[in-house]
């Protein structure tokens, strides 16, 4: 991983450039790394299940944000966005239902 020093063109930038390199900011310093190859990663059953649950939570939160009526009526927590509050609420409700042995796919 290469640290960028005194290069005003890429200093402070983040994101990828094609599928070649990725600019990252770690502890305020800019680094350039090769694009990650995740093709050989084998996910566990728990990871696959959690990704599915998180995708459902993101869909739920997006539906709240995209409906102006629901968005204005949705309770927020401090400075958190409506999207993040809805995401958090979905995950909390999922964990509660799972702990109580209730069906977890109904929200």
PDB file of N, CA and C in Angstrom:
ATOM      1  N   UNK A   1       0.864  -1.160   0.000  1.00  0.00           N
ATOM      2  CA  UNK A   1       0.000   0.000   0.000  1.00  0.00           C
ATOM      3  C   UNK A   1       0.912   1.224   0.000  1.00  0.00           C
ATOM      4  N   UNK A   2       0.703   2.076  -0.985  1.00  0.00           N
ATOM      5  CA  UNK A   2       1.534   3.259  -1.136  1.00  0.00           C
ATOM      6  C   UNK A   2       0.855   4.465  -0.498  1.00  0.00           C
ATOM      7  N   UNK A   3       1.607   5.187   0.343  1.00  0.00           N
ATOM      8  CA  UNK A   3       1.088   6.421   0.939  1.00  0.00           C
ATOM      9  C   UNK A   3       1.399   7.582   0.009  1.00  0.00           C
ATOM     10  N   UNK A   4       0.407   8.423  -0.202  1.00  0.00           N
ATOM     11  CA  UNK A   4       0.577   9.588  -1.072  1.00  0.00           C
ATOM     12  C   UNK A   4       1.072  10.752  -0.227  1.00  0.00           C
ATOM     13  N   UNK A   5       2.192  11.348  -0.629  1.00  0.00           N
ATOM     14  CA  UNK A   5       2.739  12.502   0.077  1.00  0.00           C
ATOM     15  C   UNK A   5       3.015  13.598  -0.938  1.00  0.00           C
ATOM     16  N   UNK A   6       2.631  14.818  -0.597  1.00  0.00           N
ATOM     17  CA  UNK A   6       2.915  15.989  -1.424  1.00  0.00           C
ATOM     18  C   UNK A   6       2.465  15.838  -2.886  1.00  0.00           C
ATOM     19  N   UNK A   7       1.349  15.195  -3.105  1.00  0.00           N
ATOM     20  CA  UNK A   7       0.780  15.088  -4.446  1.00  0.00           C
ATOM     21  C   UNK A   7      -0.600  15.714  -4.389  1.00  0.00           C
ATOM     22  N   UNK A   8      -0.711  16.930  -4.858  1.00  0.00           N
ATOM     23  CA  UNK A   8      -1.947  17.686  -4.717  1.00  0.00           C
ATOM     24  C   UNK A   8      -3.048  17.209  -5.654  1.00  0.00           C
ATOM     25  N   UNK A   9      -2.733  16.363  -6.604  1.00  0.00           N
ATOM     26  CA  UNK A   9      -3.750  15.853  -7.521  1.00  0.00           C
ATOM     27  C   UNK A   9      -4.606  14.784  -6.852  1.00  0.00           C
ATOM     28  N   UNK A  10      -4.004  13.853  -6.140  1.00  0.00           N
ATOM     29  CA  UNK A  10      -4.768  12.766  -5.518  1.00  0.00           C
ATOM     30  C   UNK A  10      -4.852  12.884  -3.997  1.00  0.00           C
ATOM     31  N   UNK A  11      -4.159  13.833  -3.409  1.00  0.00           N
ATOM     32  CA  UNK A  11      -4.184  14.008  -1.957  1.00  0.00           C
ATOM     33  C   UNK A  11      -5.613  14.270  -1.493  1.00  0.00           C
ATOM     34  N   UNK A  12      -6.115  13.458  -0.570  1.00  0.00           N
ATOM     35  CA  UNK A  12      -7.452  13.654  -0.017  1.00  0.00           C
ATOM     36  C   UNK A  12      -8.573  13.075  -0.845  1.00  0.00           C
ATOM     37  N   UNK A  13      -8.252  12.393  -1.941  1.00  0.00           N
ATOM     38  CA  UNK A  13      -9.298  11.778  -2.745  1.00  0.00           C
ATOM     39  C   UNK A  13      -9.529  10.347  -2.273  1.00  0.00           C
ATOM     40  N   UNK A  14     -10.733   9.853  -2.519  1.00  0.00           N
ATOM     41  CA  UNK A  14     -11.015   8.455  -2.212  1.00  0.00           C
ATOM     42  C   UNK A  14     -11.876   7.896  -3.326  1.00  0.00           C
ATOM     43  N   UNK A  15     -11.857   6.591  -3.470  1.00  0.00           N
ATOM     44  CA  UNK A  15     -12.630   5.928  -4.506  1.00  0.00           C
ATOM     45  C   UNK A  15     -11.733   5.138  -5.428  1.00  0.00           C
ATOM     46  N   UNK A  16     -12.346   4.525  -6.421  1.00  0.00           N
ATOM     47  CA  UNK A  16     -11.578   3.664  -7.312  1.00  0.00           C
ATOM     48  C   UNK A  16     -11.371   4.327  -8.666  1.00  0.00           C
ATOM     49  N   UNK A  17     -10.351   3.871  -9.325  1.00  0.00           N
ATOM     50  CA  UNK A  17     -10.075   4.292 -10.688  1.00  0.00           C
ATOM     51  C   UNK A  17     -10.178   3.021 -11.523  1.00  0.00           C
ATOM     52  N   UNK A  18     -11.335   2.864 -12.183  1.00  0.00           N
ATOM     53  CA  UNK A  18     -11.590   1.640 -12.929  1.00  0.00           C
ATOM     54  C   UNK A  18     -11.512   0.445 -11.994  1.00  0.00           C
ATOM     55  N   UNK A  19     -10.873  -0.610 -12.477  1.00  0.00           N
ATOM     56  CA  UNK A  19     -10.619  -1.763 -11.618  1.00  0.00           C
ATOM     57  C   UNK A  19      -9.116  -1.950 -11.465  1.00  0.00           C
ATOM     58  N   UNK A  20      -8.421  -0.793 -11.423  1.00  0.00           N
ATOM     59  CA  UNK A  20      -6.973  -0.828 -11.300  1.00  0.00           C
ATOM     60  C   UNK A  20      -6.521  -0.533  -9.883  1.00  0.00           C
ATOM     61  N   UNK A  21      -6.896   0.642  -9.375  1.00  0.00           N
ATOM     62  CA  UNK A  21      -6.440   1.060  -8.050  1.00  0.00           C
ATOM     63  C   UNK A  21      -7.599   1.674  -7.261  1.00  0.00           C
ATOM     64  N   UNK A  22      -7.397   1.740  -5.940  1.00  0.00           N
ATOM     65  CA  UNK A  22      -8.364   2.342  -5.036  1.00  0.00           C
ATOM     66  C   UNK A  22      -7.631   3.362  -4.179  1.00  0.00           C
ATOM     67  N   UNK A  23      -8.172   4.577  -4.107  1.00  0.00           N
ATOM     68  CA  UNK A  23      -7.635   5.595  -3.205  1.00  0.00           C
ATOM     69  C   UNK A  23      -8.392   5.508  -1.899  1.00  0.00           C
ATOM     70  N   UNK A  24      -7.673   5.431  -0.785  1.00  0.00           N
ATOM     71  CA  UNK A  24      -8.291   5.325   0.533  1.00  0.00           C
ATOM     72  C   UNK A  24      -7.727   6.408   1.434  1.00  0.00           C
ATOM     73  N   UNK A  25      -8.558   6.871   2.360  1.00  0.00           N
ATOM     74  CA  UNK A  25      -8.086   7.791   3.387  1.00  0.00           C
ATOM     75  C   UNK A  25      -8.157   7.049   4.706  1.00  0.00           C
ATOM     76  N   UNK A  26      -7.001   6.836   5.317  1.00  0.00           N
ATOM     77  CA  UNK A  26      -6.900   6.127   6.590  1.00  0.00           C
ATOM     78  C   UNK A  26      -6.193   7.036   7.572  1.00  0.00           C
ATOM     79  N   UNK A  27      -6.879   7.381   8.661  1.00  0.00           N
ATOM     80  CA  UNK A  27      -6.338   8.282   9.681  1.00  0.00           C
ATOM     81  C   UNK A  27      -5.832   9.586   9.068  1.00  0.00           C
ATOM     82  N   UNK A  28      -6.578  10.112   8.104  1.00  0.00           N
ATOM     83  CA  UNK A  28      -6.235  11.397   7.499  1.00  0.00           C
ATOM     84  C   UNK A  28      -5.145  11.339   6.450  1.00  0.00           C
ATOM     85  N   UNK A  29      -4.608  10.165   6.165  1.00  0.00           N
ATOM     86  CA  UNK A  29      -3.565  10.015   5.157  1.00  0.00           C
ATOM     87  C   UNK A  29      -4.152   9.301   3.940  1.00  0.00           C
ATOM     88  N   UNK A  30      -3.737   9.701   2.746  1.00  0.00           N
ATOM     89  CA  UNK A  30      -4.232   9.108   1.511  1.00  0.00           C
ATOM     90  C   UNK A  30      -3.315   7.964   1.090  1.00  0.00           C
ATOM     91  N   UNK A  31      -3.923   6.824   0.765  1.00  0.00           N
ATOM     92  CA  UNK A  31      -3.182   5.657   0.310  1.00  0.00           C
ATOM     93  C   UNK A  31      -3.755   5.186  -1.014  1.00  0.00           C
ATOM     94  N   UNK A  32      -2.894   4.624  -1.856  1.00  0.00           N
ATOM     95  CA  UNK A  32      -3.322   4.019  -3.110  1.00  0.00           C
ATOM     96  C   UNK A  32      -3.001   2.539  -3.015  1.00  0.00           C
ATOM     97  N   UNK A  33      -4.032   1.702  -3.255  1.00  0.00           N
ATOM     98  CA  UNK A  33      -3.856   0.251  -3.196  1.00  0.00           C
ATOM     99  C   UNK A  33      -4.380  -0.362  -4.477  1.00  0.00           C
ATOM    100  N   UNK A  34      -3.990  -1.597  -4.720  1.00  0.00           N
ATOM    101  CA  UNK A  34      -4.530  -2.280  -5.896  1.00  0.00           C
ATOM    102  C   UNK A  34      -5.992  -2.616  -5.641  1.00  0.00           C
ATOM    103  N   UNK A  35      -6.758  -2.749  -6.701  1.00  0.00           N
ATOM    104  CA  UNK A  35      -8.175  -3.070  -6.607  1.00  0.00           C
ATOM    105  C   UNK A  35      -8.312  -4.463  -5.994  1.00  0.00           C
ATOM    106  N   UNK A  36      -9.187  -4.636  -4.995  1.00  0.00           N
ATOM    107  CA  UNK A  36      -9.279  -5.927  -4.319  1.00  0.00           C
ATOM    108  C   UNK A  36      -9.902  -7.012  -5.208  1.00  0.00           C
ATOM    109  N   UNK A  37      -9.376  -8.213  -5.125  1.00  0.00           N
ATOM    110  CA  UNK A  37      -9.921  -9.364  -5.843  1.00  0.00           C
ATOM    111  C   UNK A  37     -10.640 -10.242  -4.830  1.00  0.00           C
ATOM    112  N   UNK A  38     -11.972 -10.202  -4.839  1.00  0.00           N
ATOM    113  CA  UNK A  38     -12.762 -10.965  -3.879  1.00  0.00           C
ATOM    114  C   UNK A  38     -13.398 -12.190  -4.531  1.00  0.00           C
ATOM    115  N   UNK A  39     -12.896 -12.592  -5.701  1.00  0.00           N
ATOM    116  CA  UNK A  39     -13.503 -13.698  -6.441  1.00  0.00           C
ATOM    117  C   UNK A  39     -13.300 -15.044  -5.756  1.00  0.00           C
ATOM    118  N   UNK A  40     -12.297 -15.162  -4.917  1.00  0.00           N
ATOM    119  CA  UNK A  40     -12.009 -16.448  -4.276  1.00  0.00           C
ATOM    120  C   UNK A  40     -12.451 -16.498  -2.819  1.00  0.00           C
ATOM    121  N   UNK A  41     -13.242 -15.513  -2.385  1.00  0.00           N
ATOM    122  CA  UNK A  41     -13.709 -15.481  -1.007  1.00  0.00           C
ATOM    123  C   UNK A  41     -14.911 -16.408  -0.871  1.00  0.00           C
ATOM    124  N   UNK A  42     -14.869 -17.286   0.121  1.00  0.00           N
ATOM    125  CA  UNK A  42     -15.991 -18.169   0.409  1.00  0.00           C
ATOM    126  C   UNK A  42     -16.674 -17.655   1.673  1.00  0.00           C
ATOM    127  N   UNK A  43     -17.914 -17.200   1.519  1.00  0.00           N
ATOM    128  CA  UNK A  43     -18.659 -16.667   2.652  1.00  0.00           C
ATOM    129  C   UNK A  43     -19.301 -17.800   3.442  1.00  0.00           C
ATOM    130  N   UNK A  44     -19.394 -17.626   4.757  1.00  0.00           N
ATOM    131  CA  UNK A  44     -20.058 -18.614   5.602  1.00  0.00           C
ATOM    132  C   UNK A  44     -21.567 -18.472   5.441  1.00  0.00           C
ATOM    133  N   UNK A  45     -22.310 -19.466   5.918  1.00  0.00           N
ATOM    134  CA  UNK A  45     -23.772 -19.407   5.858  1.00  0.00           C
ATOM    135  C   UNK A  45     -24.299 -18.211   6.632  1.00  0.00           C
ATOM    136  N   UNK A  46     -23.658 -17.911   7.771  1.00  0.00           N
ATOM    137  CA  UNK A  46     -24.080 -16.778   8.585  1.00  0.00           C
ATOM    138  C   UNK A  46     -23.875 -15.461   7.854  1.00  0.00           C
ATOM    139  N   UNK A  47     -22.760 -15.341   7.142  1.00  0.00           N
ATOM    140  CA  UNK A  47     -22.491 -14.117   6.384  1.00  0.00           C
ATOM    141  C   UNK A  47     -23.491 -13.951   5.251  1.00  0.00           C
ATOM    142  N   UNK A  48     -23.807 -15.030   4.566  1.00  0.00           N
ATOM    143  CA  UNK A  48     -24.781 -14.975   3.471  1.00  0.00           C
ATOM    144  C   UNK A  48     -26.149 -14.594   4.020  1.00  0.00           C
ATOM    145  N   UNK A  49     -26.537 -15.185   5.153  1.00  0.00           N
ATOM    146  CA  UNK A  49     -27.824 -14.862   5.778  1.00  0.00           C
ATOM    147  C   UNK A  49     -27.864 -13.391   6.198  1.00  0.00           C
ATOM    148  N   UNK A  50     -26.786 -12.898   6.808  1.00  0.00           N
ATOM    149  CA  UNK A  50     -26.767 -11.514   7.257  1.00  0.00           C
ATOM    150  C   UNK A  50     -26.828 -10.547   6.078  1.00  0.00           C
ATOM    151  N   UNK A  51     -26.168 -10.874   4.983  1.00  0.00           N
ATOM    152  CA  UNK A  51     -26.220 -10.013   3.791  1.00  0.00           C
ATOM    153  C   UNK A  51     -27.652  -9.916   3.268  1.00  0.00           C
ATOM    154  N   UNK A  52     -28.374 -11.041   3.310  1.00  0.00           N
ATOM    155  CA  UNK A  52     -29.769 -11.056   2.868  1.00  0.00           C
ATOM    156  C   UNK A  52     -30.626 -10.185   3.789  1.00  0.00           C
ATOM    157  N   UNK A  53     -30.431 -10.322   5.089  1.00  0.00           N
ATOM    158  CA  UNK A  53     -31.195  -9.540   6.065  1.00  0.00           C
ATOM    159  C   UNK A  53     -30.884  -8.056   5.901  1.00  0.00           C
ATOM    160  N   UNK A  54     -29.612  -7.718   5.713  1.00  0.00           N
ATOM    161  CA  UNK A  54     -29.236  -6.317   5.556  1.00  0.00           C
ATOM    162  C   UNK A  54     -29.823  -5.738   4.274  1.00  0.00           C
ATOM    163  N   UNK A  55     -29.872  -6.546   3.205  1.00  0.00           N
ATOM    164  CA  UNK A  55     -30.477  -6.084   1.949  1.00  0.00           C
ATOM    165  C   UNK A  55     -31.960  -5.782   2.161  1.00  0.00           C
ATOM    166  N   UNK A  56     -32.661  -6.622   2.951  1.00  0.00           N
ATOM    167  CA  UNK A  56     -34.067  -6.371   3.264  1.00  0.00           C
ATOM    168  C   UNK A  56     -34.209  -5.089   4.078  1.00  0.00           C
ATOM    169  N   UNK A  57     -33.295  -4.871   5.017  1.00  0.00           N
ATOM    170  CA  UNK A  57     -33.326  -3.656   5.845  1.00  0.00           C
ATOM    171  C   UNK A  57     -33.090  -2.421   4.979  1.00  0.00           C
ATOM    172  N   UNK A  58     -32.160  -2.510   4.039  1.00  0.00           N
ATOM    173  CA  UNK A  58     -31.881  -1.378   3.154  1.00  0.00           C
ATOM    174  C   UNK A  58     -33.082  -1.085   2.256  1.00  0.00           C
ATOM    175  N   UNK A  59     -33.760  -2.131   1.798  1.00  0.00           N
ATOM    176  CA  UNK A  59     -34.951  -1.934   0.977  1.00  0.00           C
ATOM    177  C   UNK A  59     -36.047  -1.247   1.797  1.00  0.00           C
ATOM    178  N   UNK A  60     -36.238  -1.696   3.037  1.00  0.00           N
ATOM    179  CA  UNK A  60     -37.230  -1.092   3.929  1.00  0.00           C
ATOM    180  C   UNK A  60     -36.913   0.388   4.143  1.00  0.00           C
ATOM    181  N   UNK A  61     -35.654   0.699   4.453  1.00  0.00           N
ATOM    182  CA  UNK A  61     -35.251   2.083   4.707  1.00  0.00           C
ATOM    183  C   UNK A  61     -35.415   2.942   3.460  1.00  0.00           C
ATOM    184  N   UNK A  62     -35.094   2.395   2.289  1.00  0.00           N
ATOM    185  CA  UNK A  62     -35.256   3.145   1.042  1.00  0.00           C
ATOM    186  C   UNK A  62     -36.720   3.454   0.758  1.00  0.00           C
ATOM    187  N   UNK A  63     -37.598   2.501   1.068  1.00  0.00           N
ATOM    188  CA  UNK A  63     -39.031   2.727   0.866  1.00  0.00           C
ATOM    189  C   UNK A  63     -39.527   3.868   1.754  1.00  0.00           C
ATOM    190  N   UNK A  64     -39.007   3.944   2.981  1.00  0.00           N
ATOM    191  CA  UNK A  64     -39.387   5.034   3.897  1.00  0.00           C
ATOM    192  C   UNK A  64     -38.915   6.375   3.322  1.00  0.00           C
ATOM    193  N   UNK A  65     -37.665   6.426   2.904  1.00  0.00           N
ATOM    194  CA  UNK A  65     -37.070   7.675   2.422  1.00  0.00           C
ATOM    195  C   UNK A  65     -37.731   8.137   1.126  1.00  0.00           C
ATOM    196  N   UNK A  66     -38.099   7.210   0.256  1.00  0.00           N
ATOM    197  CA  UNK A  66     -38.663   7.573  -1.040  1.00  0.00           C
ATOM    198  C   UNK A  66     -40.137   7.963  -0.989  1.00  0.00           C
ATOM    199  N   UNK A  67     -40.799   7.753   0.143  1.00  0.00           N
ATOM    200  CA  UNK A  67     -42.191   8.172   0.305  1.00  0.00           C
ATOM    201  C   UNK A  67     -42.203   9.418   1.199  1.00  0.00           C
ATOM    202  N   UNK A  68     -42.493  10.595   0.638  1.00  0.00           N
ATOM    203  CA  UNK A  68     -42.418  11.835   1.426  1.00  0.00           C
ATOM    204  C   UNK A  68     -43.288  11.822   2.681  1.00  0.00           C
ATOM    205  N   UNK A  69     -44.459  11.182   2.627  1.00  0.00           N
ATOM    206  CA  UNK A  69     -45.341  11.120   3.788  1.00  0.00           C
ATOM    207  C   UNK A  69     -44.715  10.294   4.905  1.00  0.00           C
ATOM    208  N   UNK A  70     -44.206   9.101   4.535  1.00  0.00           N
ATOM    209  CA  UNK A  70     -43.565   8.233   5.533  1.00  0.00           C
ATOM    210  C   UNK A  70     -42.294   8.880   6.088  1.00  0.00           C
ATOM    211  N   UNK A  71     -41.547   9.530   5.207  1.00  0.00           N
ATOM    212  CA  UNK A  71     -40.283  10.140   5.624  1.00  0.00           C
ATOM    213  C   UNK A  71     -40.519  11.253   6.646  1.00  0.00           C
ATOM    214  N   UNK A  72     -41.514  12.097   6.405  1.00  0.00           N
ATOM    215  CA  UNK A  72     -41.759  13.206   7.330  1.00  0.00           C
ATOM    216  C   UNK A  72     -42.328  12.722   8.658  1.00  0.00           C
ATOM    217  N   UNK A  73     -43.024  11.571   8.658  1.00  0.00           N
ATOM    218  CA  UNK A  73     -43.625  11.058   9.885  1.00  0.00           C
ATOM    219  C   UNK A  73     -42.695  10.118  10.655  1.00  0.00           C
ATOM    220  N   UNK A  74     -41.578   9.691  10.038  1.00  0.00           N
ATOM    221  CA  UNK A  74     -40.713   8.695  10.680  1.00  0.00           C
ATOM    222  C   UNK A  74     -39.920   9.329  11.822  1.00  0.00           C
ATOM    223  N   UNK A  75     -39.928   8.696  13.002  1.00  0.00           N
ATOM    224  CA  UNK A  75     -39.183   9.267  14.136  1.00  0.00           C
ATOM    225  C   UNK A  75     -37.669   9.130  13.938  1.00  0.00           C
ATOM    226  N   UNK A  76     -36.950  10.200  14.206  1.00  0.00           N
ATOM    227  CA  UNK A  76     -35.492  10.167  14.077  1.00  0.00           C
ATOM    228  C   UNK A  76     -34.865  10.171  15.463  1.00  0.00           C
ATOM    229  N   UNK A  77     -33.602   9.822  15.495  1.00  0.00           N
ATOM    230  CA  UNK A  77     -32.852   9.742  16.748  1.00  0.00           C
ATOM    231  C   UNK A  77     -31.663  10.691  16.659  1.00  0.00           C
ATOM    232  N   UNK A  78     -31.787  11.823  17.314  1.00  0.00           N
ATOM    233  CA  UNK A  78     -30.690  12.792  17.305  1.00  0.00           C
ATOM    234  C   UNK A  78     -30.396  13.292  15.911  1.00  0.00           C
ATOM    235  N   UNK A  79     -29.137  13.192  15.509  1.00  0.00           N
ATOM    236  CA  UNK A  79     -28.719  13.697  14.205  1.00  0.00           C
ATOM    237  C   UNK A  79     -28.694  12.620  13.127  1.00  0.00           C
ATOM    238  N   UNK A  80     -29.150  11.402  13.454  1.00  0.00           N
ATOM    239  CA  UNK A  80     -29.174  10.322  12.462  1.00  0.00           C
ATOM    240  C   UNK A  80     -30.190  10.630  11.373  1.00  0.00           C
ATOM    241  N   UNK A  81     -29.876  10.252  10.155  1.00  0.00           N
ATOM    242  CA  UNK A  81     -30.803  10.463   9.037  1.00  0.00           C
ATOM    243  C   UNK A  81     -31.978   9.498   9.164  1.00  0.00           C
ATOM    244  N   UNK A  82     -33.049   9.813   8.461  1.00  0.00           N
ATOM    245  CA  UNK A  82     -34.227   8.945   8.461  1.00  0.00           C
ATOM    246  C   UNK A  82     -33.840   7.562   7.942  1.00  0.00           C
ATOM    247  N   UNK A  83     -33.011   7.517   6.910  1.00  0.00           N
ATOM    248  CA  UNK A  83     -32.569   6.246   6.341  1.00  0.00           C
ATOM    249  C   UNK A  83     -31.873   5.390   7.402  1.00  0.00           C
ATOM    250  N   UNK A  84     -30.929   5.986   8.125  1.00  0.00           N
ATOM    251  CA  UNK A  84     -30.178   5.220   9.122  1.00  0.00           C
ATOM    252  C   UNK A  84     -31.046   4.828  10.311  1.00  0.00           C
ATOM    253  N   UNK A  85     -32.005   5.669  10.674  1.00  0.00           N
ATOM    254  CA  UNK A  85     -32.937   5.316  11.751  1.00  0.00           C
ATOM    255  C   UNK A  85     -33.793   4.124  11.336  1.00  0.00           C
ATOM    256  N   UNK A  86     -34.305   4.140  10.105  1.00  0.00           N
ATOM    257  CA  UNK A  86     -35.129   3.041   9.610  1.00  0.00           C
ATOM    258  C   UNK A  86     -34.314   1.757   9.506  1.00  0.00           C
ATOM    259  N   UNK A  87     -33.082   1.865   9.055  1.00  0.00           N
ATOM    260  CA  UNK A  87     -32.195   0.714   8.955  1.00  0.00           C
ATOM    261  C   UNK A  87     -31.966   0.108  10.340  1.00  0.00           C
ATOM    262  N   UNK A  88     -31.660   0.960  11.298  1.00  0.00           N
ATOM    263  CA  UNK A  88     -31.427   0.523  12.666  1.00  0.00           C
ATOM    264  C   UNK A  88     -32.680  -0.104  13.275  1.00  0.00           C
ATOM    265  N   UNK A  89     -33.832   0.512  13.039  1.00  0.00           N
ATOM    266  CA  UNK A  89     -35.089  -0.021  13.570  1.00  0.00           C
ATOM    267  C   UNK A  89     -35.391  -1.396  12.995  1.00  0.00           C
ATOM    268  N   UNK A  90     -35.156  -1.575  11.703  1.00  0.00           N
ATOM    269  CA  UNK A  90     -35.405  -2.870  11.068  1.00  0.00           C
ATOM    270  C   UNK A  90     -34.521  -3.943  11.695  1.00  0.00           C
ATOM    271  N   UNK A  91     -33.241  -3.641  11.842  1.00  0.00           N
ATOM    272  CA  UNK A  91     -32.312  -4.630  12.395  1.00  0.00           C
ATOM    273  C   UNK A  91     -32.634  -4.951  13.856  1.00  0.00           C
ATOM    274  N   UNK A  92     -33.018  -3.937  14.626  1.00  0.00           N
ATOM    275  CA  UNK A  92     -33.384  -4.149  16.029  1.00  0.00           C
ATOM    276  C   UNK A  92     -34.623  -5.030  16.132  1.00  0.00           C
ATOM    277  N   UNK A  93     -35.611  -4.732  15.291  1.00  0.00           N
ATOM    278  CA  UNK A  93     -36.847  -5.523  15.279  1.00  0.00           C
ATOM    279  C   UNK A  93     -36.564  -6.964  14.840  1.00  0.00           C
ATOM    280  N   UNK A  94     -35.680  -7.146  13.872  1.00  0.00           N
ATOM    281  CA  UNK A  94     -35.304  -8.480  13.424  1.00  0.00           C
ATOM    282  C   UNK A  94     -34.689  -9.279  14.574  1.00  0.00           C
ATOM    283  N   UNK A  95     -33.741  -8.655  15.279  1.00  0.00           N
ATOM    284  CA  UNK A  95     -33.092  -9.354  16.393  1.00  0.00           C
ATOM    285  C   UNK A  95     -34.085  -9.700  17.496  1.00  0.00           C
ATOM    286  N   UNK A  96     -35.036  -8.777  17.770  1.00  0.00           N
ATOM    287  CA  UNK A  96     -36.032  -9.023  18.811  1.00  0.00           C
ATOM    288  C   UNK A  96     -36.914 -10.208  18.431  1.00  0.00           C
ATOM    289  N   UNK A  97     -37.405 -10.223  17.192  1.00  0.00           N
ATOM    290  CA  UNK A  97     -38.269 -11.311  16.740  1.00  0.00           C
ATOM    291  C   UNK A  97     -37.530 -12.637  16.738  1.00  0.00           C
ATOM    292  N   UNK A  98     -36.279 -12.625  16.316  1.00  0.00           N
ATOM    293  CA  UNK A  98     -35.500 -13.865  16.287  1.00  0.00           C
ATOM    294  C   UNK A  98     -35.286 -14.398  17.698  1.00  0.00           C
ATOM    295  N   UNK A  99     -35.013 -13.499  18.648  1.00  0.00           N
ATOM    296  CA  UNK A  99     -34.806 -13.911  20.041  1.00  0.00           C
ATOM    297  C   UNK A  99     -36.080 -14.488  20.653  1.00  0.00           C
ATOM    298  N   UNK A 100     -37.238 -13.966  20.242  1.00  0.00           N
ATOM    299  CA  UNK A 100     -38.507 -14.442  20.783  1.00  0.00           C
ATOM    300  C   UNK A 100     -39.076 -15.629  20.004  1.00  0.00           C
ATOM    301  N   UNK A 101     -38.403 -16.036  18.932  1.00  0.00           N
ATOM    302  CA  UNK A 101     -38.854 -17.167  18.136  1.00  0.00           C
ATOM    303  C   UNK A 101     -40.033 -16.841  17.230  1.00  0.00           C
ATOM    304  N   UNK A 102     -40.254 -15.578  16.938  1.00  0.00           N
ATOM    305  CA  UNK A 102     -41.340 -15.152  16.062  1.00  0.00           C
ATOM    306  C   UNK A 102     -40.880 -15.186  14.602  1.00  0.00           C
ATOM    307  N   UNK A 103     -41.828 -15.207  13.654  1.00  0.00           N
ATOM    308  CA  UNK A 103     -41.415 -15.125  12.241  1.00  0.00           C
ATOM    309  C   UNK A 103     -40.709 -13.789  11.986  1.00  0.00           C
ATOM    310  N   UNK A 104     -39.536 -13.850  11.379  1.00  0.00           N
ATOM    311  CA  UNK A 104     -38.703 -12.649  11.261  1.00  0.00           C
ATOM    312  C   UNK A 104     -38.823 -11.949   9.921  1.00  0.00           C
ATOM    313  N   UNK A 105     -39.472 -12.557   8.942  1.00  0.00           N
ATOM    314  CA  UNK A 105     -39.517 -11.929   7.620  1.00  0.00           C
ATOM    315  C   UNK A 105     -40.655 -10.946   7.458  1.00  0.00           C
ATOM    316  N   UNK A 106     -41.503 -10.807   8.448  1.00  0.00           N
ATOM    317  CA  UNK A 106     -42.632  -9.862   8.345  1.00  0.00           C
ATOM    318  C   UNK A 106     -42.276  -8.567   9.040  1.00  0.00           C
ATOM    319  N   UNK A 107     -42.219  -7.483   8.277  1.00  0.00           N
ATOM    320  CA  UNK A 107     -41.975  -6.162   8.888  1.00  0.00           C
ATOM    321  C   UNK A 107     -42.966  -5.177   8.369  1.00  0.00           C
TER     322      UNK A 107
END
